[in-house]
Protein backbone atom coordinates (compact mmCIF):
# COMPACT_ATOMS: atom_id res chain seq x y z
CA MET A 1 40.62 -26.85 -11.96
CA SER A 2 40.14 -26.83 -8.27
CA ARG A 3 36.93 -25.73 -6.30
CA SER A 4 39.16 -22.50 -4.30
CA THR A 5 40.22 -21.26 -7.88
CA GLU A 6 37.40 -21.11 -10.05
CA GLU A 7 35.36 -18.55 -10.76
CA THR A 8 31.88 -18.72 -8.90
CA PRO A 9 29.22 -16.11 -10.66
CA GLU A 10 28.45 -13.73 -8.13
CA ALA A 11 24.94 -14.34 -5.97
CA PRO A 12 21.92 -12.22 -7.41
CA THR A 13 21.37 -9.38 -4.97
CA VAL A 14 18.59 -10.12 -2.81
CA ARG A 15 16.33 -7.36 -0.94
CA ASP A 16 17.05 -7.96 2.71
CA PRO A 17 13.95 -8.92 4.06
CA VAL A 18 11.80 -6.92 6.56
CA ALA A 19 10.35 -9.28 9.58
CA ARG A 20 6.92 -9.10 10.25
CA SER A 21 5.16 -9.05 13.43
CA ASP A 22 3.40 -12.18 12.14
CA GLY A 23 6.38 -14.45 10.39
CA VAL A 24 6.04 -12.82 6.75
CA THR A 25 8.68 -10.67 5.51
CA LEU A 26 9.00 -7.81 2.73
CA PRO A 27 9.48 -8.14 0.06
CA HIS A 28 7.14 -11.22 -0.20
CA ALA A 29 4.55 -13.04 -2.61
CA SER A 30 0.74 -14.24 -2.05
CA ALA A 31 -1.60 -15.79 -3.99
CA ASP A 32 -4.94 -13.37 -4.13
CA GLY A 33 -8.34 -15.03 -3.80
CA ASP A 34 -8.37 -15.36 -7.93
CA GLY A 35 -4.77 -17.69 -7.74
CA ARG A 36 -2.75 -14.79 -8.81
CA VAL A 37 0.66 -14.67 -7.39
CA VAL A 38 0.70 -10.65 -6.09
CA ASP A 39 4.28 -9.17 -4.69
CA PHE A 40 4.37 -7.12 -1.81
CA ARG A 41 7.32 -4.52 -1.11
CA PRO A 42 8.18 -1.37 0.40
CA TYR A 43 8.13 1.75 -2.25
CA GLU A 44 10.91 2.68 -4.00
CA PRO A 45 11.42 5.67 -5.91
CA SER A 46 12.24 4.05 -8.95
CA ASP A 47 8.80 2.61 -8.91
CA ARG A 48 7.55 6.14 -9.43
CA GLU A 49 6.63 5.80 -13.18
CA ALA A 50 4.87 2.41 -12.27
CA VAL A 51 2.93 4.02 -9.38
CA ARG A 52 2.22 7.23 -11.66
CA SER A 53 0.92 4.74 -14.76
CA PHE A 54 -1.24 2.96 -11.89
CA TYR A 55 -3.04 5.75 -11.20
CA GLU A 56 -3.03 7.49 -14.62
CA SER A 57 -5.09 4.07 -15.59
CA PHE A 58 -7.82 4.67 -12.83
CA GLU A 59 -11.30 5.56 -14.24
CA PRO A 60 -13.56 8.31 -12.98
CA THR A 61 -15.35 6.00 -11.39
CA ASP A 62 -12.37 4.43 -9.45
CA ARG A 63 -11.95 7.73 -8.15
CA SER A 64 -12.98 8.57 -4.42
CA GLN A 65 -12.83 11.47 -2.46
CA GLY A 66 -10.72 13.43 -5.57
CA VAL A 67 -7.94 11.29 -5.09
CA PRO A 68 -6.07 10.18 -7.08
CA PRO A 69 -5.93 13.03 -8.73
CA ALA A 70 -7.09 12.90 -12.80
CA ALA A 71 -4.96 16.09 -13.74
CA PRO A 72 -1.54 15.48 -14.78
CA THR A 73 0.27 18.18 -13.02
CA ALA A 74 -2.27 17.63 -9.52
CA LEU A 75 -1.27 13.82 -10.09
CA ASP A 76 2.70 14.18 -9.86
CA GLU A 77 2.20 17.10 -6.95
CA TRP A 78 -0.11 14.52 -4.94
CA LEU A 79 2.51 11.43 -5.99
CA SER A 80 5.61 13.44 -4.69
CA THR A 81 3.52 13.77 -1.62
CA VAL A 82 2.46 10.31 -0.94
CA THR A 83 5.06 8.20 -2.66
CA ALA A 84 7.68 10.43 0.27
CA ALA A 85 5.80 8.37 3.32
CA PRO A 86 6.15 5.29 4.07
CA SER A 87 4.30 3.30 1.25
CA VAL A 88 4.08 -0.23 0.01
CA VAL A 89 3.27 -1.26 -3.66
CA ALA A 90 1.61 -4.88 -4.67
CA THR A 91 2.73 -5.81 -7.98
CA HIS A 92 1.38 -8.38 -10.29
CA ASP A 93 3.60 -9.48 -13.95
CA ASP A 94 5.73 -6.21 -13.03
CA ARG A 95 2.58 -3.72 -12.78
CA VAL A 96 2.00 -2.24 -10.18
CA VAL A 97 -1.75 -2.94 -9.34
CA GLY A 98 -1.72 -1.44 -5.88
CA HIS A 99 -0.54 0.75 -3.10
CA VAL A 100 -0.80 1.83 0.67
CA THR A 101 0.69 5.29 2.18
CA PHE A 102 0.83 6.88 5.34
CA VAL A 103 1.30 10.42 4.92
CA PRO A 104 2.32 12.71 8.27
CA ASP A 105 -0.28 15.01 9.23
CA ARG A 106 0.33 18.16 10.96
CA SER A 107 -0.96 16.08 14.26
CA GLY A 108 2.00 13.85 13.77
CA GLU A 109 -0.48 11.04 13.15
CA HIS A 110 -0.51 9.79 9.57
CA GLU A 111 -3.43 9.47 6.82
CA LEU A 112 -4.07 6.30 5.22
CA GLY A 113 -4.31 5.81 1.58
CA LEU A 114 -4.84 2.41 0.32
CA PHE A 115 -5.61 1.95 -3.47
CA VAL A 116 -6.28 -1.48 -5.35
CA ALA A 117 -7.11 -1.80 -9.41
CA PRO A 118 -10.52 -2.37 -9.93
CA ALA A 119 -9.49 -5.97 -11.58
CA TYR A 120 -7.66 -7.23 -8.19
CA ARG A 121 -10.17 -5.71 -5.49
CA ARG A 122 -12.83 -8.57 -3.91
CA ALA A 123 -9.22 -10.89 -3.96
CA GLY A 124 -8.00 -10.30 -1.28
CA VAL A 125 -5.06 -7.72 -2.60
CA GLY A 126 -6.58 -5.18 -0.42
CA THR A 127 -6.58 -6.75 2.75
CA GLU A 128 -2.68 -8.51 2.41
CA LEU A 129 -1.83 -4.70 0.79
CA LEU A 130 -3.07 -3.16 4.04
CA GLN A 131 -1.91 -5.30 6.62
CA THR A 132 1.65 -5.16 5.04
CA GLY A 133 1.51 -1.90 4.87
CA LEU A 134 0.69 -1.22 8.51
CA THR A 135 4.06 -3.58 9.47
CA HIS A 136 5.81 -1.34 7.26
CA ALA A 137 4.53 1.87 8.98
CA ARG A 138 5.28 0.35 13.06
CA GLN A 139 8.52 -0.33 11.67
CA SER A 140 8.93 3.34 10.07
CA ALA A 141 8.04 4.89 13.32
CA VAL A 142 4.52 5.48 12.56
CA SER A 143 2.08 5.07 15.81
CA THR A 144 -1.29 6.35 14.82
CA VAL A 145 -3.00 6.10 11.80
CA TRP A 146 -6.10 7.65 10.64
CA LEU A 147 -8.44 7.77 7.39
CA SER A 148 -11.58 9.17 5.57
CA VAL A 149 -13.55 6.75 3.57
CA GLU A 150 -16.59 7.63 1.63
CA ARG A 151 -19.99 6.54 3.75
CA GLU A 152 -21.50 4.35 1.23
CA ASN A 153 -18.43 2.34 0.44
CA GLU A 154 -19.18 -0.44 2.80
CA ALA A 155 -16.86 -2.96 1.27
CA ALA A 156 -13.83 -0.39 2.05
CA ARG A 157 -15.40 0.16 5.83
CA ARG A 158 -15.90 -3.76 6.73
CA LEU A 159 -11.81 -4.14 5.46
CA PHE A 160 -10.79 -1.18 7.92
CA ARG A 161 -12.92 -2.47 10.94
CA ARG A 162 -11.74 -6.27 10.53
CA ALA A 163 -7.85 -4.68 10.69
CA GLY A 164 -8.78 -3.02 13.88
CA PHE A 165 -9.98 0.12 12.62
CA VAL A 166 -12.40 2.31 15.02
CA GLU A 167 -15.28 4.69 13.21
CA THR A 168 -14.60 7.69 14.97
CA SER A 169 -17.19 10.48 13.03
CA GLU A 170 -19.23 10.84 10.19
CA THR A 171 -20.21 13.60 8.11
CA ALA A 172 -23.21 12.95 5.65
CA PHE A 173 -20.93 11.59 2.71
CA THR A 174 -17.67 10.32 4.76
CA VAL A 175 -16.64 8.13 7.57
CA TYR A 176 -13.73 8.97 9.76
CA ALA A 177 -11.59 5.72 11.62
CA THR A 178 -8.49 5.45 12.87
CA ARG A 179 -6.03 2.94 15.17
CA SER A 180 -2.78 2.34 16.63
CA VAL A 181 -0.28 0.85 14.74
CA ASP A 182 1.37 -0.67 17.50
CA VAL A 183 -1.72 -3.18 18.04
């Protein structure tokens, strides 16, 4: 049989990568500080149940400022909001281990929500997820991002400062920070 008449298997479907300014593409994989290969890609509606399971696994001490909500109905309502916005998921062994989302507010800016499974914290997953998310947000026409973080959460505050966020105000329990996504 000649090559031209041979049946060849169809090539697997590959998502078009989204170019990042630093040369990395979405989706992409990166080894974390513990040597685990973590995949980073834009959220898709088919991820909903895996993202829900990720948030359901949070212990009360893993929640901050009331999110993710613990009650199932409240969690579903919250997920409808955060998954409708530009989002990126981090996965390892086919499980969601991180999620970053950019929820629009009434002023046209976007609130950042960054969540990493406790077993993946302090291993670089949050840093990579944040940078990947900011790139995806820029490509989704997000221009300004703000966040609130518990005042005592020094690790998160350092992460956000290293990523270019500027702390703009504080209350007794919360620090607010902002940055342009175009930077």
